[in-house]
Amino acid sequence: MQSTVIKIYPQEPSPVKLILTLAIAGLISGIAIIAIYEATLPTITAYKAKILREAVFKVLPGVTQIQKLQYIDGKLQPIDSESNDIIYAGFDAEKNLVGYAIIGIGSGFQDTIEILYGYIPQKRLIVGMEVLDSRETPGLGDKIYKDIAFQSNFKALTVEPTVVIVKKGKKSATNEVDSITGATISSKAIVRIINKANAKWLARIHEK
């Protein structure tokens, strides 16, 4: 007597069930991402503010206190709120104005570069530059904040008529910046960002 073997195959889920399952999984993931973002946002914001504050003191030697300023109604005015369109005034221990820390943002080789540089209005001189955010190529583009020689370009850099990038070793004027070998695009980006920020802020700073 022969026995009959009956094979039972699992029933495939319907397309509607699959779509519903994926939708629920996506919703749960989205809620989790939003919750994590909102929970960590205050910490991230506080950390960025701390880094920015420390950078202001680096790019403006001799400063002991700072004040946020915004250009309102034709003049620079102190503000307490956060804004994307501000500069920082730096004062010494006797509350004398030393200079301004100016934020500049622009495109680099890989992505957006954000910098902060110190400007002394009495001398029309840039006296320091810090890269706040950059995703430039490791080993090449990241030299804009790792290369000491490149950083030294911004210790006493005149801004008139504009800041100019030159081939490394060819610097001959106080408004020139030696480019970085192998990272010309990134170093050019820094100069372009500075000139753009200068065009926006220097006239406002020197307004009477």
N, C-alpha and C. Protein backbone atom coordinates (compact mmCIF):
# COMPACT_ATOMS: atom_id res chain seq x y z
N MET A 1 0.84 -1.20 0.00
CA MET A 1 0.00 0.00 0.00
C MET A 1 0.87 1.25 0.00
N GLN A 2 0.63 2.11 -0.93
CA GLN A 2 1.44 3.32 -1.04
C GLN A 2 0.80 4.45 -0.24
N SER A 3 1.71 5.21 0.45
CA SER A 3 1.21 6.35 1.22
C SER A 3 1.34 7.63 0.39
N THR A 4 0.44 8.54 0.58
CA THR A 4 0.44 9.80 -0.17
C THR A 4 0.98 10.91 0.71
N VAL A 5 1.99 11.58 0.20
CA VAL A 5 2.60 12.69 0.95
C VAL A 5 2.00 14.00 0.45
N ILE A 6 1.41 14.71 1.36
CA ILE A 6 0.80 16.00 1.01
C ILE A 6 1.69 17.12 1.52
N LYS A 7 2.20 17.95 0.62
CA LYS A 7 3.04 19.08 0.99
C LYS A 7 2.19 20.33 1.15
N ILE A 8 2.39 20.99 2.29
CA ILE A 8 1.62 22.22 2.56
C ILE A 8 2.59 23.39 2.52
N TYR A 9 2.35 24.29 1.61
CA TYR A 9 3.20 25.47 1.45
C TYR A 9 2.56 26.66 2.17
N PRO A 10 3.40 27.44 2.89
CA PRO A 10 2.83 28.60 3.58
C PRO A 10 2.25 29.61 2.59
N GLN A 11 1.14 30.15 2.97
CA GLN A 11 0.47 31.11 2.10
C GLN A 11 1.22 32.44 2.10
N GLU A 12 1.48 32.96 0.92
CA GLU A 12 2.18 34.24 0.81
C GLU A 12 1.28 35.37 1.28
N PRO A 13 1.88 36.34 2.03
CA PRO A 13 1.06 37.46 2.49
C PRO A 13 0.59 38.30 1.31
N SER A 14 -0.55 38.88 1.47
CA SER A 14 -1.10 39.69 0.39
C SER A 14 -0.33 40.99 0.26
N PRO A 15 -0.32 41.61 -0.91
CA PRO A 15 0.37 42.91 -1.10
C PRO A 15 -0.11 43.97 -0.13
N VAL A 16 -1.40 43.94 0.17
CA VAL A 16 -1.95 44.95 1.09
C VAL A 16 -1.33 44.78 2.47
N LYS A 17 -1.19 43.53 2.91
CA LYS A 17 -0.60 43.26 4.23
C LYS A 17 0.86 43.70 4.27
N LEU A 18 1.58 43.44 3.19
CA LEU A 18 2.99 43.83 3.12
C LEU A 18 3.14 45.35 3.19
N ILE A 19 2.32 46.04 2.43
CA ILE A 19 2.37 47.50 2.43
C ILE A 19 2.03 48.06 3.80
N LEU A 20 1.01 47.47 4.46
CA LEU A 20 0.61 47.92 5.79
C LEU A 20 1.71 47.70 6.81
N THR A 21 2.38 46.54 6.71
CA THR A 21 3.47 46.23 7.63
C THR A 21 4.63 47.21 7.47
N LEU A 22 4.99 47.49 6.20
CA LEU A 22 6.07 48.43 5.93
C LEU A 22 5.71 49.83 6.40
N ALA A 23 4.46 50.21 6.21
CA ALA A 23 4.02 51.55 6.63
C ALA A 23 4.11 51.70 8.15
N ILE A 24 3.68 50.67 8.87
CA ILE A 24 3.74 50.72 10.33
C ILE A 24 5.18 50.77 10.81
N ALA A 25 6.06 49.94 10.19
CA ALA A 25 7.48 49.94 10.55
C ALA A 25 8.11 51.30 10.28
N GLY A 26 7.77 51.90 9.14
CA GLY A 26 8.30 53.23 8.81
C GLY A 26 7.82 54.29 9.78
N LEU A 27 6.55 54.20 10.19
CA LEU A 27 6.00 55.16 11.14
C LEU A 27 6.70 55.07 12.48
N ILE A 28 6.89 53.83 12.95
CA ILE A 28 7.57 53.63 14.24
C ILE A 28 9.00 54.15 14.19
N SER A 29 9.69 53.87 13.07
CA SER A 29 11.08 54.34 12.92
C SER A 29 11.13 55.86 12.89
N GLY A 30 10.18 56.47 12.17
CA GLY A 30 10.15 57.93 12.09
C GLY A 30 9.92 58.58 13.44
N ILE A 31 8.98 58.00 14.21
CA ILE A 31 8.70 58.53 15.55
C ILE A 31 9.93 58.40 16.44
N ALA A 32 10.64 57.27 16.33
CA ALA A 32 11.84 57.05 17.14
C ALA A 32 12.93 58.06 16.79
N ILE A 33 13.12 58.31 15.49
CA ILE A 33 14.15 59.27 15.05
C ILE A 33 13.83 60.66 15.56
N ILE A 34 12.57 61.07 15.43
CA ILE A 34 12.16 62.40 15.90
C ILE A 34 12.35 62.53 17.40
N ALA A 35 11.98 61.49 18.13
CA ALA A 35 12.12 61.52 19.59
C ALA A 35 13.58 61.65 20.01
N ILE A 36 14.46 60.89 19.34
CA ILE A 36 15.89 60.96 19.65
C ILE A 36 16.44 62.34 19.31
N TYR A 37 16.03 62.87 18.16
CA TYR A 37 16.50 64.20 17.74
C TYR A 37 16.08 65.27 18.75
N GLU A 38 14.82 65.24 19.16
CA GLU A 38 14.34 66.25 20.10
C GLU A 38 15.00 66.10 21.47
N ALA A 39 15.31 64.86 21.84
CA ALA A 39 15.95 64.64 23.14
C ALA A 39 17.39 65.12 23.16
N THR A 40 18.07 65.00 22.02
CA THR A 40 19.49 65.37 21.96
C THR A 40 19.73 66.79 21.48
N LEU A 41 18.70 67.44 20.92
CA LEU A 41 18.87 68.78 20.35
C LEU A 41 19.41 69.80 21.36
N PRO A 42 18.88 69.88 22.58
CA PRO A 42 19.42 70.85 23.54
C PRO A 42 20.91 70.65 23.82
N THR A 43 21.33 69.38 23.91
CA THR A 43 22.74 69.09 24.17
C THR A 43 23.60 69.50 22.99
N ILE A 44 23.14 69.18 21.78
CA ILE A 44 23.88 69.54 20.57
C ILE A 44 23.98 71.05 20.43
N THR A 45 22.86 71.74 20.67
CA THR A 45 22.84 73.20 20.57
C THR A 45 23.79 73.85 21.57
N ALA A 46 23.76 73.34 22.80
CA ALA A 46 24.64 73.88 23.85
C ALA A 46 26.11 73.64 23.50
N TYR A 47 26.40 72.47 22.94
CA TYR A 47 27.79 72.15 22.57
C TYR A 47 28.28 73.06 21.45
N LYS A 48 27.42 73.29 20.42
CA LYS A 48 27.80 74.17 19.33
C LYS A 48 28.03 75.60 19.82
N ALA A 49 27.18 76.04 20.77
CA ALA A 49 27.34 77.39 21.33
C ALA A 49 28.66 77.50 22.08
N LYS A 50 29.03 76.44 22.78
CA LYS A 50 30.29 76.41 23.54
C LYS A 50 31.49 76.49 22.58
N ILE A 51 31.44 75.69 21.52
CA ILE A 51 32.52 75.68 20.53
C ILE A 51 32.65 77.05 19.86
N LEU A 52 31.52 77.65 19.52
CA LEU A 52 31.53 78.96 18.88
C LEU A 52 32.11 80.02 19.81
N ARG A 53 31.70 79.99 21.06
CA ARG A 53 32.21 80.96 22.04
C ARG A 53 33.73 80.83 22.19
N GLU A 54 34.21 79.60 22.29
CA GLU A 54 35.65 79.37 22.43
C GLU A 54 36.39 79.87 21.19
N ALA A 55 35.78 79.68 20.02
CA ALA A 55 36.41 80.12 18.77
C ALA A 55 36.53 81.64 18.71
N VAL A 56 35.52 82.35 19.24
CA VAL A 56 35.56 83.81 19.25
C VAL A 56 36.79 84.30 20.01
N PHE A 57 37.06 83.71 21.16
CA PHE A 57 38.21 84.12 21.96
C PHE A 57 39.53 83.75 21.27
N LYS A 58 39.52 82.70 20.44
CA LYS A 58 40.73 82.31 19.72
C LYS A 58 41.06 83.29 18.60
N VAL A 59 40.03 83.73 17.88
CA VAL A 59 40.29 84.57 16.70
C VAL A 59 40.44 86.04 17.05
N LEU A 60 40.13 86.40 18.29
CA LEU A 60 40.28 87.78 18.74
C LEU A 60 41.17 87.80 19.99
N PRO A 61 42.48 87.77 19.82
CA PRO A 61 43.40 87.79 20.96
C PRO A 61 43.19 89.02 21.84
N GLY A 62 43.24 88.81 23.15
CA GLY A 62 43.09 89.93 24.08
C GLY A 62 41.67 90.20 24.52
N VAL A 63 40.73 89.44 23.98
CA VAL A 63 39.32 89.64 24.33
C VAL A 63 38.98 88.87 25.61
N THR A 64 38.24 89.52 26.50
CA THR A 64 37.81 88.87 27.75
C THR A 64 36.29 88.73 27.84
N GLN A 65 35.56 89.46 27.00
CA GLN A 65 34.10 89.35 26.99
C GLN A 65 33.58 89.64 25.59
N ILE A 66 32.44 89.04 25.26
CA ILE A 66 31.89 89.19 23.92
C ILE A 66 30.41 89.58 23.99
N GLN A 67 29.94 90.11 22.87
CA GLN A 67 28.54 90.53 22.78
C GLN A 67 28.02 90.24 21.38
N LYS A 68 26.84 89.61 21.31
CA LYS A 68 26.22 89.33 20.01
C LYS A 68 25.59 90.58 19.45
N LEU A 69 25.81 90.79 18.15
CA LEU A 69 25.25 91.97 17.48
C LEU A 69 24.52 91.56 16.22
N GLN A 70 23.46 92.30 15.92
CA GLN A 70 22.73 92.10 14.67
C GLN A 70 22.52 93.46 14.01
N TYR A 71 22.52 93.45 12.69
CA TYR A 71 22.33 94.70 11.95
C TYR A 71 20.83 94.98 11.83
N ILE A 72 20.37 95.97 12.59
CA ILE A 72 18.95 96.30 12.65
C ILE A 72 18.77 97.80 12.46
N ASP A 73 17.85 98.16 11.57
CA ASP A 73 17.54 99.57 11.33
C ASP A 73 18.78 100.41 11.02
N GLY A 74 19.67 99.83 10.22
CA GLY A 74 20.82 100.59 9.76
C GLY A 74 21.99 100.67 10.71
N LYS A 75 21.99 99.88 11.78
CA LYS A 75 23.13 99.90 12.69
C LYS A 75 23.25 98.57 13.44
N LEU A 76 24.44 98.32 13.96
CA LEU A 76 24.68 97.11 14.75
C LEU A 76 24.13 97.30 16.15
N GLN A 77 23.27 96.35 16.56
CA GLN A 77 22.64 96.45 17.86
C GLN A 77 22.78 95.15 18.63
N PRO A 78 22.97 95.24 19.96
CA PRO A 78 23.08 94.03 20.79
C PRO A 78 21.78 93.25 20.79
N ILE A 79 21.88 91.92 20.76
CA ILE A 79 20.71 91.06 20.87
C ILE A 79 21.02 89.92 21.83
N ASP A 80 19.97 89.35 22.41
CA ASP A 80 20.12 88.22 23.32
C ASP A 80 19.68 86.91 22.69
N SER A 81 18.78 86.99 21.71
CA SER A 81 18.24 85.79 21.07
C SER A 81 19.22 85.21 20.07
N GLU A 82 18.97 83.94 19.69
CA GLU A 82 19.80 83.29 18.69
C GLU A 82 19.37 83.73 17.29
N SER A 83 20.33 83.84 16.41
CA SER A 83 20.04 84.24 15.03
C SER A 83 21.16 83.74 14.13
N ASN A 84 20.82 83.55 12.86
CA ASN A 84 21.83 83.11 11.89
C ASN A 84 22.55 84.29 11.24
N ASP A 85 22.15 85.50 11.60
CA ASP A 85 22.70 86.68 10.95
C ASP A 85 23.29 87.63 12.00
N ILE A 86 24.32 87.16 12.68
CA ILE A 86 24.94 87.95 13.74
C ILE A 86 26.45 87.95 13.62
N ILE A 87 27.07 88.92 14.29
CA ILE A 87 28.51 88.91 14.50
C ILE A 87 28.75 89.12 15.99
N TYR A 88 30.00 88.96 16.39
CA TYR A 88 30.34 89.09 17.80
C TYR A 88 31.33 90.23 18.00
N ALA A 89 31.00 91.14 18.91
CA ALA A 89 31.94 92.19 19.29
C ALA A 89 32.76 91.68 20.46
N GLY A 90 34.07 91.90 20.42
CA GLY A 90 34.94 91.45 21.50
C GLY A 90 35.55 92.62 22.24
N PHE A 91 35.55 92.57 23.58
CA PHE A 91 36.05 93.66 24.42
C PHE A 91 37.15 93.16 25.35
N ASP A 92 38.06 94.06 25.69
CA ASP A 92 39.13 93.69 26.63
C ASP A 92 38.64 93.87 28.07
N ALA A 93 39.55 93.70 29.03
CA ALA A 93 39.18 93.77 30.45
C ALA A 93 38.66 95.14 30.85
N GLU A 94 39.08 96.19 30.12
CA GLU A 94 38.62 97.55 30.42
C GLU A 94 37.38 97.92 29.61
N LYS A 95 36.78 96.92 28.96
CA LYS A 95 35.56 97.08 28.16
C LYS A 95 35.78 97.94 26.91
N ASN A 96 37.03 97.97 26.44
CA ASN A 96 37.32 98.64 25.17
C ASN A 96 37.10 97.65 24.02
N LEU A 97 36.52 98.13 22.94
CA LEU A 97 36.30 97.27 21.78
C LEU A 97 37.63 96.85 21.17
N VAL A 98 37.82 95.55 21.03
CA VAL A 98 39.02 95.02 20.39
C VAL A 98 38.76 94.78 18.90
N GLY A 99 37.66 94.13 18.62
CA GLY A 99 37.34 93.82 17.23
C GLY A 99 36.07 93.00 17.13
N TYR A 100 35.88 92.38 15.97
CA TYR A 100 34.67 91.62 15.71
C TYR A 100 35.02 90.21 15.22
N ALA A 101 34.22 89.25 15.63
CA ALA A 101 34.33 87.89 15.11
C ALA A 101 33.19 87.70 14.12
N ILE A 102 33.56 87.38 12.89
CA ILE A 102 32.60 87.31 11.79
C ILE A 102 32.45 85.87 11.32
N ILE A 103 31.22 85.42 11.16
CA ILE A 103 30.93 84.08 10.65
C ILE A 103 30.82 84.13 9.14
N GLY A 104 31.44 83.16 8.47
CA GLY A 104 31.33 83.05 7.01
C GLY A 104 30.97 81.63 6.62
N ILE A 105 30.09 81.49 5.64
CA ILE A 105 29.64 80.17 5.18
C ILE A 105 29.66 80.12 3.66
N GLY A 106 30.14 79.01 3.11
CA GLY A 106 30.17 78.85 1.66
C GLY A 106 30.50 77.44 1.26
N SER A 107 30.49 77.18 -0.03
CA SER A 107 30.74 75.83 -0.55
C SER A 107 32.23 75.53 -0.62
N GLY A 108 32.58 74.32 -0.21
CA GLY A 108 33.95 73.84 -0.35
C GLY A 108 34.01 72.80 -1.46
N PHE A 109 35.00 71.91 -1.41
CA PHE A 109 35.13 70.87 -2.41
C PHE A 109 34.07 69.79 -2.22
N GLN A 110 33.82 69.40 -0.95
CA GLN A 110 32.88 68.33 -0.65
C GLN A 110 31.51 68.84 -0.24
N ASP A 111 31.51 69.85 0.61
CA ASP A 111 30.26 70.30 1.21
C ASP A 111 30.44 71.73 1.72
N THR A 112 29.49 72.18 2.49
CA THR A 112 29.54 73.53 3.04
C THR A 112 30.64 73.67 4.10
N ILE A 113 31.34 74.79 4.07
CA ILE A 113 32.35 75.11 5.06
C ILE A 113 31.86 76.32 5.85
N GLU A 114 31.98 76.24 7.17
CA GLU A 114 31.62 77.37 8.02
C GLU A 114 32.86 77.80 8.81
N ILE A 115 33.16 79.07 8.77
CA ILE A 115 34.36 79.57 9.45
C ILE A 115 34.00 80.76 10.34
N LEU A 116 34.94 81.10 11.20
CA LEU A 116 34.84 82.30 12.03
C LEU A 116 36.20 82.99 11.97
N TYR A 117 36.21 84.30 11.74
CA TYR A 117 37.50 85.00 11.72
C TYR A 117 37.40 86.31 12.48
N GLY A 118 38.54 86.70 13.05
CA GLY A 118 38.60 87.93 13.83
C GLY A 118 39.03 89.10 12.99
N TYR A 119 38.35 90.23 13.17
CA TYR A 119 38.63 91.42 12.38
C TYR A 119 38.82 92.63 13.29
N ILE A 120 39.95 93.34 13.09
CA ILE A 120 40.25 94.55 13.85
C ILE A 120 39.93 95.76 12.97
N PRO A 121 38.85 96.49 13.25
CA PRO A 121 38.44 97.58 12.35
C PRO A 121 39.43 98.73 12.28
N GLN A 122 40.13 99.03 13.39
CA GLN A 122 41.07 100.15 13.39
C GLN A 122 42.22 99.91 12.42
N LYS A 123 42.59 98.64 12.24
CA LYS A 123 43.70 98.28 11.37
C LYS A 123 43.24 97.67 10.05
N ARG A 124 41.94 97.44 9.92
CA ARG A 124 41.38 96.74 8.76
C ARG A 124 42.17 95.45 8.52
N LEU A 125 42.24 94.66 9.59
CA LEU A 125 43.11 93.49 9.60
C LEU A 125 42.39 92.27 10.15
N ILE A 126 42.56 91.13 9.48
CA ILE A 126 42.10 89.85 10.01
C ILE A 126 43.22 89.28 10.86
N VAL A 127 42.89 88.83 12.07
CA VAL A 127 43.93 88.41 13.01
C VAL A 127 43.78 86.95 13.47
N GLY A 128 42.87 86.22 12.88
CA GLY A 128 42.71 84.81 13.25
C GLY A 128 41.55 84.20 12.51
N MET A 129 41.63 82.88 12.26
CA MET A 129 40.56 82.19 11.56
C MET A 129 40.41 80.78 12.11
N GLU A 130 39.18 80.37 12.38
CA GLU A 130 38.87 79.03 12.85
C GLU A 130 37.82 78.40 11.94
N VAL A 131 38.00 77.13 11.59
CA VAL A 131 36.99 76.40 10.83
C VAL A 131 36.01 75.79 11.83
N LEU A 132 34.76 76.19 11.75
CA LEU A 132 33.74 75.69 12.67
C LEU A 132 33.14 74.38 12.20
N ASP A 133 32.99 74.23 10.88
CA ASP A 133 32.37 73.02 10.34
C ASP A 133 32.90 72.76 8.94
N SER A 134 33.33 71.52 8.70
CA SER A 134 33.87 71.18 7.38
C SER A 134 33.82 69.67 7.18
N ARG A 135 33.49 69.26 5.96
CA ARG A 135 33.51 67.83 5.60
C ARG A 135 34.45 67.61 4.42
N GLU A 136 35.50 68.42 4.37
CA GLU A 136 36.45 68.30 3.28
C GLU A 136 37.24 66.99 3.38
N THR A 137 37.83 66.57 2.28
CA THR A 137 38.50 65.28 2.18
C THR A 137 39.61 65.11 3.23
N PRO A 138 39.54 64.04 4.05
CA PRO A 138 40.60 63.80 5.03
C PRO A 138 41.95 63.64 4.36
N GLY A 139 42.96 64.28 4.93
CA GLY A 139 44.30 64.20 4.38
C GLY A 139 44.61 65.26 3.35
N LEU A 140 43.58 65.89 2.81
CA LEU A 140 43.77 66.95 1.82
C LEU A 140 43.02 68.21 2.24
N GLY A 141 41.71 68.20 1.99
CA GLY A 141 40.90 69.37 2.31
C GLY A 141 40.86 69.73 3.77
N ASP A 142 41.05 68.74 4.64
CA ASP A 142 41.00 69.04 6.08
C ASP A 142 42.23 69.83 6.54
N LYS A 143 43.17 70.05 5.63
CA LYS A 143 44.34 70.87 5.97
C LYS A 143 43.97 72.33 6.21
N ILE A 144 42.77 72.74 5.80
CA ILE A 144 42.36 74.12 6.03
C ILE A 144 42.28 74.44 7.53
N TYR A 145 42.16 73.40 8.35
CA TYR A 145 42.21 73.63 9.81
C TYR A 145 43.31 72.84 10.51
N LYS A 146 44.01 71.99 9.77
CA LYS A 146 45.10 71.22 10.37
C LYS A 146 46.49 71.75 10.00
N ASP A 147 46.59 72.42 8.87
CA ASP A 147 47.88 72.90 8.38
C ASP A 147 48.25 74.22 9.08
N ILE A 148 49.28 74.18 9.91
CA ILE A 148 49.70 75.35 10.69
C ILE A 148 50.14 76.49 9.77
N ALA A 149 50.85 76.14 8.69
CA ALA A 149 51.33 77.16 7.75
C ALA A 149 50.15 77.89 7.11
N PHE A 150 49.11 77.15 6.76
CA PHE A 150 47.94 77.79 6.15
C PHE A 150 47.24 78.67 7.18
N GLN A 151 47.11 78.18 8.40
CA GLN A 151 46.46 78.96 9.46
C GLN A 151 47.20 80.27 9.73
N SER A 152 48.52 80.25 9.58
CA SER A 152 49.31 81.44 9.87
C SER A 152 49.03 82.58 8.88
N ASN A 153 48.44 82.25 7.73
CA ASN A 153 48.06 83.30 6.77
C ASN A 153 47.10 84.32 7.36
N PHE A 154 46.36 83.89 8.38
CA PHE A 154 45.27 84.71 8.89
C PHE A 154 45.61 85.39 10.22
N LYS A 155 46.87 85.47 10.54
CA LYS A 155 47.30 86.13 11.78
C LYS A 155 47.44 87.64 11.61
N ALA A 156 47.69 88.09 10.39
CA ALA A 156 47.81 89.52 10.10
C ALA A 156 47.53 89.73 8.61
N LEU A 157 46.28 89.55 8.25
CA LEU A 157 45.88 89.57 6.85
C LEU A 157 45.06 90.83 6.55
N THR A 158 45.55 91.66 5.67
CA THR A 158 44.81 92.86 5.31
C THR A 158 43.66 92.51 4.36
N VAL A 159 42.61 93.32 4.39
CA VAL A 159 41.40 92.99 3.63
C VAL A 159 41.21 93.87 2.39
N GLU A 160 42.13 94.78 2.15
CA GLU A 160 41.97 95.71 1.04
C GLU A 160 43.01 95.46 -0.05
N PRO A 161 42.62 95.48 -1.33
CA PRO A 161 41.24 95.69 -1.78
C PRO A 161 40.34 94.48 -1.51
N THR A 162 40.90 93.27 -1.65
CA THR A 162 40.24 92.03 -1.24
C THR A 162 41.33 91.04 -0.83
N VAL A 163 40.93 89.96 -0.21
CA VAL A 163 41.87 88.90 0.12
C VAL A 163 42.09 88.06 -1.13
N VAL A 164 43.35 87.72 -1.41
CA VAL A 164 43.70 87.02 -2.65
C VAL A 164 44.42 85.72 -2.33
N ILE A 165 44.06 84.66 -3.04
CA ILE A 165 44.76 83.37 -2.89
C ILE A 165 45.85 83.28 -3.95
N VAL A 166 47.04 82.82 -3.56
CA VAL A 166 48.15 82.66 -4.50
C VAL A 166 48.75 81.27 -4.34
N LYS A 167 49.53 80.88 -5.32
CA LYS A 167 50.19 79.58 -5.27
C LYS A 167 51.14 79.54 -4.08
N LYS A 168 51.22 78.39 -3.43
CA LYS A 168 52.04 78.27 -2.23
C LYS A 168 53.48 78.70 -2.51
N GLY A 169 53.99 79.58 -1.63
CA GLY A 169 55.34 80.08 -1.76
C GLY A 169 55.44 81.36 -2.57
N LYS A 170 54.32 81.81 -3.14
CA LYS A 170 54.32 83.01 -3.98
C LYS A 170 53.77 84.24 -3.25
N LYS A 171 53.44 84.10 -1.99
CA LYS A 171 52.87 85.23 -1.24
C LYS A 171 53.87 86.37 -1.15
N SER A 172 53.43 87.58 -1.53
CA SER A 172 54.33 88.73 -1.51
C SER A 172 53.67 89.99 -0.97
N ALA A 173 52.38 89.90 -0.64
CA ALA A 173 51.64 91.06 -0.14
C ALA A 173 50.82 90.66 1.08
N THR A 174 50.47 91.64 1.90
CA THR A 174 49.79 91.35 3.17
C THR A 174 48.33 90.94 3.00
N ASN A 175 47.78 91.10 1.78
CA ASN A 175 46.40 90.66 1.54
C ASN A 175 46.35 89.32 0.80
N GLU A 176 47.50 88.65 0.71
CA GLU A 176 47.58 87.37 -0.01
C GLU A 176 47.64 86.19 0.95
N VAL A 177 47.06 85.07 0.49
CA VAL A 177 47.05 83.82 1.26
C VAL A 177 47.70 82.73 0.43
N ASP A 178 48.69 82.05 1.00
CA ASP A 178 49.31 80.91 0.33
C ASP A 178 48.33 79.75 0.29
N SER A 179 48.08 79.18 -0.88
CA SER A 179 47.18 78.04 -0.99
C SER A 179 47.85 76.78 -0.45
N ILE A 180 47.05 75.73 -0.28
CA ILE A 180 47.56 74.45 0.22
C ILE A 180 47.80 73.52 -0.95
N THR A 181 48.98 72.99 -1.06
CA THR A 181 49.30 72.05 -2.13
C THR A 181 48.43 70.81 -1.99
N GLY A 182 47.72 70.45 -3.05
CA GLY A 182 46.84 69.28 -3.01
C GLY A 182 45.45 69.58 -2.51
N ALA A 183 45.24 70.79 -2.01
CA ALA A 183 43.90 71.17 -1.52
C ALA A 183 43.60 72.60 -1.96
N THR A 184 43.90 72.88 -3.21
CA THR A 184 43.72 74.24 -3.73
C THR A 184 42.27 74.67 -3.67
N ILE A 185 41.35 73.76 -4.00
CA ILE A 185 39.93 74.12 -4.03
C ILE A 185 39.45 74.51 -2.63
N SER A 186 39.85 73.75 -1.63
CA SER A 186 39.42 74.03 -0.26
C SER A 186 40.00 75.34 0.24
N SER A 187 41.29 75.60 -0.06
CA SER A 187 41.89 76.85 0.40
C SER A 187 41.32 78.05 -0.35
N LYS A 188 41.00 77.86 -1.63
CA LYS A 188 40.34 78.93 -2.37
C LYS A 188 38.96 79.22 -1.78
N ALA A 189 38.30 78.16 -1.32
CA ALA A 189 36.96 78.32 -0.74
C ALA A 189 37.01 79.20 0.51
N ILE A 190 38.05 79.02 1.33
CA ILE A 190 38.18 79.84 2.54
C ILE A 190 38.29 81.32 2.18
N VAL A 191 39.12 81.62 1.21
CA VAL A 191 39.31 83.02 0.78
C VAL A 191 38.02 83.58 0.19
N ARG A 192 37.34 82.77 -0.59
CA ARG A 192 36.07 83.21 -1.19
C ARG A 192 35.03 83.50 -0.10
N ILE A 193 34.98 82.65 0.91
CA ILE A 193 34.03 82.83 2.02
C ILE A 193 34.34 84.11 2.78
N ILE A 194 35.62 84.36 3.03
CA ILE A 194 36.02 85.58 3.74
C ILE A 194 35.64 86.83 2.95
N ASN A 195 35.93 86.83 1.67
CA ASN A 195 35.60 88.01 0.85
C ASN A 195 34.09 88.24 0.79
N LYS A 196 33.32 87.18 0.74
CA LYS A 196 31.87 87.30 0.72
C LYS A 196 31.36 87.90 2.04
N ALA A 197 31.89 87.39 3.16
CA ALA A 197 31.48 87.90 4.47
C ALA A 197 31.94 89.35 4.65
N ASN A 198 33.14 89.66 4.17
CA ASN A 198 33.63 91.05 4.25
C ASN A 198 32.72 92.01 3.49
N ALA A 199 32.29 91.57 2.31
CA ALA A 199 31.42 92.42 1.50
C ALA A 199 30.11 92.72 2.23
N LYS A 200 29.69 91.79 3.05
CA LYS A 200 28.44 91.97 3.79
C LYS A 200 28.62 92.81 5.06
N TRP A 201 29.71 92.55 5.80
CA TRP A 201 29.82 93.11 7.15
C TRP A 201 30.71 94.33 7.30
N LEU A 202 31.76 94.48 6.51
CA LEU A 202 32.72 95.55 6.77
C LEU A 202 32.11 96.93 6.60
N ALA A 203 31.26 97.12 5.61
CA ALA A 203 30.62 98.41 5.43
C ALA A 203 29.74 98.74 6.64
N ARG A 204 29.10 97.71 7.17
CA ARG A 204 28.24 97.92 8.35
C ARG A 204 29.09 98.26 9.58
N ILE A 205 30.22 97.60 9.73
CA ILE A 205 31.10 97.85 10.88
C ILE A 205 31.66 99.25 10.84
N HIS A 206 32.02 99.71 9.64
CA HIS A 206 32.66 101.02 9.52
C HIS A 206 31.67 102.16 9.29
N GLU A 207 30.38 101.84 9.34
CA GLU A 207 29.37 102.90 9.19
C GLU A 207 29.44 103.88 10.33
N LYS A 208 29.30 105.13 10.03
CA LYS A 208 29.29 106.17 11.06
C LYS A 208 27.85 106.49 11.47
